[in-house]
C-alpha atoms as a PDB file:
ATOM      1  CA  MET A   1       2.200 118.147 -31.219  1.00  0.00           C
ATOM      2  CA  GLU A   2       5.622 119.682 -30.849  1.00  0.00           C
ATOM      3  CA  ASN A   3       8.767 117.555 -30.954  1.00  0.00           C
ATOM      4  CA  ASN A   4       9.890 118.818 -27.548  1.00  0.00           C
ATOM      5  CA  SER A   5       6.985 118.486 -25.131  1.00  0.00           C
ATOM      6  CA  VAL A   6       6.633 116.975 -21.665  1.00  0.00           C
ATOM      7  CA  HIS A   7       3.511 115.981 -19.724  1.00  0.00           C
ATOM      8  CA  LEU A   8       4.176 114.919 -16.117  1.00  0.00           C
ATOM      9  CA  ILE A   9       1.975 114.134 -13.135  1.00  0.00           C
ATOM     10  CA  GLY A  10       3.697 113.826  -9.797  1.00  0.00           C
ATOM     11  CA  ILE A  11       4.271 114.960  -6.237  1.00  0.00           C
ATOM     12  CA  VAL A  12       6.368 118.025  -5.461  1.00  0.00           C
ATOM     13  CA  LYS A  13       9.490 116.667  -3.771  1.00  0.00           C
ATOM     14  CA  ARG A  14      11.214 119.992  -3.142  1.00  0.00           C
ATOM     15  CA  GLY A  15       9.031 123.061  -2.683  1.00  0.00           C
ATOM     16  CA  ALA A  16      10.168 126.516  -3.707  1.00  0.00           C
ATOM     17  CA  LYS A  17       9.322 130.172  -3.741  1.00  0.00           C
ATOM     18  CA  ALA A  18       9.973 132.575  -6.589  1.00  0.00           C
ATOM     19  CA  GLY A  19      13.485 133.968  -6.731  1.00  0.00           C
ATOM     20  CA  ASN A  20      15.634 136.028  -9.053  1.00  0.00           C
ATOM     21  CA  ASN A  21      17.584 134.538 -11.968  1.00  0.00           C
ATOM     22  CA  GLY A  22      20.401 137.064 -11.559  1.00  0.00           C
ATOM     23  CA  LYS A  23      19.298 139.003 -14.643  1.00  0.00           C
ATOM     24  CA  GLY A  24      16.280 140.705 -13.093  1.00  0.00           C
ATOM     25  CA  GLY A  25      13.714 138.047 -13.997  1.00  0.00           C
ATOM     26  CA  GLN A  26      11.783 135.801 -11.656  1.00  0.00           C
ATOM     27  CA  VAL A  27      12.246 132.024 -11.612  1.00  0.00           C
ATOM     28  CA  LEU A  28      10.800 129.184  -9.559  1.00  0.00           C
ATOM     29  CA  ASP A  29      12.761 125.935  -9.212  1.00  0.00           C
ATOM     30  CA  PHE A  30      11.311 122.760  -7.718  1.00  0.00           C
ATOM     31  CA  ALA A  31      11.550 118.984  -8.081  1.00  0.00           C
ATOM     32  CA  LEU A  32       8.717 116.670  -9.151  1.00  0.00           C
ATOM     33  CA  GLN A  33       8.636 112.985  -8.171  1.00  0.00           C
ATOM     34  CA  VAL A  34       6.974 110.849 -10.855  1.00  0.00           C
ATOM     35  CA  THR A  35       6.126 107.199 -10.202  1.00  0.00           C
ATOM     36  CA  ASP A  36       6.393 104.561 -12.964  1.00  0.00           C
ATOM     37  CA  PRO A  37       3.044 102.682 -12.902  1.00  0.00           C
ATOM     38  CA  ASN A  38       4.657  99.459 -14.179  1.00  0.00           C
ATOM     39  CA  THR A  39       7.500  99.122 -11.679  1.00  0.00           C
ATOM     40  CA  GLY A  40       6.463 101.371  -8.802  1.00  0.00           C
ATOM     41  CA  ARG A  41       9.870 103.058  -8.950  1.00  0.00           C
ATOM     42  CA  TYR A  42      10.072 106.798  -9.130  1.00  0.00           C
ATOM     43  CA  ASP A  43      12.206 109.420 -10.808  1.00  0.00           C
ATOM     44  CA  ILE A  44      12.759 112.982  -9.679  1.00  0.00           C
ATOM     45  CA  PHE A  45      12.794 115.725 -12.309  1.00  0.00           C
ATOM     46  CA  ASP A  46      14.104 119.264 -11.824  1.00  0.00           C
ATOM     47  CA  CYS A  47      11.530 121.795 -13.004  1.00  0.00           C
ATOM     48  CA  ARG A  48      11.780 125.528 -13.632  1.00  0.00           C
ATOM     49  CA  LEU A  49       9.257 128.278 -14.254  1.00  0.00           C
ATOM     50  CA  THR A  50      10.080 131.736 -15.511  1.00  0.00           C
ATOM     51  CA  GLU A  51       8.062 134.906 -15.279  1.00  0.00           C
ATOM     52  CA  ILE A  52       7.050 134.612 -18.948  1.00  0.00           C
ATOM     53  CA  SER A  53       5.379 131.247 -18.269  1.00  0.00           C
ATOM     54  CA  ASP A  54       1.618 131.122 -17.637  1.00  0.00           C
ATOM     55  CA  ALA A  55       2.409 128.600 -14.902  1.00  0.00           C
ATOM     56  CA  MET A  56       4.088 131.274 -12.709  1.00  0.00           C
ATOM     57  CA  GLU A  57       0.787 133.101 -12.371  1.00  0.00           C
ATOM     58  CA  GLN A  58      -1.149 129.833 -11.943  1.00  0.00           C
ATOM     59  CA  LEU A  59       1.065 128.803  -9.012  1.00  0.00           C
ATOM     60  CA  GLU A  60       1.191 132.361  -7.611  1.00  0.00           C
ATOM     61  CA  GLY A  61       4.975 132.147  -7.303  1.00  0.00           C
ATOM     62  CA  PHE A  62       5.305 129.123  -5.006  1.00  0.00           C
ATOM     63  CA  VAL A  63       4.786 125.364  -4.692  1.00  0.00           C
ATOM     64  CA  GLU A  64       4.672 123.284  -1.529  1.00  0.00           C
ATOM     65  CA  GLU A  65       6.368 119.967  -0.914  1.00  0.00           C
ATOM     66  CA  GLY A  66       3.865 117.105  -1.010  1.00  0.00           C
ATOM     67  CA  GLU A  67       1.296 118.702  -3.316  1.00  0.00           C
ATOM     68  CA  GLN A  68       0.358 116.931  -6.556  1.00  0.00           C
ATOM     69  CA  LEU A  69       0.931 118.761  -9.836  1.00  0.00           C
ATOM     70  CA  GLU A  70       0.218 118.015 -13.461  1.00  0.00           C
ATOM     71  CA  ILE A  71       2.467 120.024 -15.738  1.00  0.00           C
ATOM     72  CA  MET A  72       2.994 120.641 -19.433  1.00  0.00           C
ATOM     73  CA  GLY A  73       6.383 121.875 -20.572  1.00  0.00           C
ATOM     74  CA  HIS A  74       9.502 121.259 -22.622  1.00  0.00           C
ATOM     75  CA  LEU A  75      13.061 120.051 -22.007  1.00  0.00           C
ATOM     76  CA  VAL A  76      16.103 122.312 -21.899  1.00  0.00           C
ATOM     77  CA  LYS A  77      19.601 120.833 -21.809  1.00  0.00           C
ATOM     78  CA  ARG A  78      22.480 122.853 -20.368  1.00  0.00           C
ATOM     79  CA  THR A  79      26.112 121.822 -20.595  1.00  0.00           C
ATOM     80  CA  SER A  80      28.904 123.416 -18.601  1.00  0.00           C
ATOM     81  CA  THR A  81      32.634 122.836 -18.405  1.00  0.00           C
ATOM     82  CA  GLU A  82      34.723 123.369 -15.290  1.00  0.00           C
ATOM     83  CA  SER A  83      38.518 123.365 -15.433  1.00  0.00           C
ATOM     84  CA  GLN A  84      40.561 122.193 -12.476  1.00  0.00           C
ATOM     85  CA  ARG A  85      44.268 121.843 -11.931  1.00  0.00           C
ATOM     86  CA  ILE A  86      45.075 118.484 -10.362  1.00  0.00           C
ATOM     87  CA  ALA A  87      48.698 117.484  -9.689  1.00  0.00           C
ATOM     88  CA  GLY A  88      49.947 120.054 -12.185  1.00  0.00           C
ATOM     89  CA  VAL A  89      47.609 118.938 -14.995  1.00  0.00           C
ATOM     90  CA  TRP A  90      44.539 120.844 -16.193  1.00  0.00           C
ATOM     91  CA  ILE A  91      41.421 118.658 -16.217  1.00  0.00           C
ATOM     92  CA  ASP A  92      38.172 119.696 -17.885  1.00  0.00           C
ATOM     93  CA  VAL A  93      35.030 118.317 -16.282  1.00  0.00           C
ATOM     94  CA  ARG A  94      31.977 118.546 -18.493  1.00  0.00           C
ATOM     95  CA  SER A  95      28.490 118.096 -17.068  1.00  0.00           C
ATOM     96  CA  THR A  96      25.069 118.166 -18.671  1.00  0.00           C
ATOM     97  CA  ALA A  97      21.761 118.759 -16.901  1.00  0.00           C
ATOM     98  CA  THR A  98      18.303 118.388 -18.410  1.00  0.00           C
ATOM     99  CA  VAL A  99      15.570 120.519 -16.848  1.00  0.00           C
ATOM    100  CA  VAL A 100      11.823 120.564 -17.484  1.00  0.00           C
ATOM    101  CA  TYR A 101      10.736 124.126 -18.260  1.00  0.00           C
ATOM    102  CA  VAL A 102       7.103 124.338 -17.177  1.00  0.00           C
ATOM    103  CA  ASP A 103       4.819 126.116 -19.638  1.00  0.00           C
ATOM    104  CA  SER A 104       1.497 125.519 -17.885  1.00  0.00           C
ATOM    105  CA  ILE A 105      -0.188 123.744 -14.999  1.00  0.00           C
ATOM    106  CA  VAL A 106      -3.112 121.446 -15.817  1.00  0.00           C
ATOM    107  CA  GLU A 107      -5.906 122.266 -13.416  1.00  0.00           C
ATOM    108  CA  GLU A 108      -8.997 120.179 -12.820  1.00  0.00           C
ATOM    109  CA  ASP A 109     -12.296 121.933 -13.449  1.00  0.00           C
END
């Protein structure tokens, strides 16, 4: 097993259709709601597919809100810094987002 692997089962919270990543490649972004079986609370995870992922073909380029998915993937962390001038002082705001990159969809036989 790899050190960076994710296995999630959940309900699609935000459906999406394939779009362009700005560099000529196709991407599909959606959100997956996963419920904690112990507490009943849920978390929402941002997920992304790229055209090189087997999952893009499996999903045929779209997912619908409300459908259940089981995915296998890995985490990618992106950090960005935005500079703003406030009252004559430059402020750097740093934010980090973690996204699940979907490698494949687990399908029932």
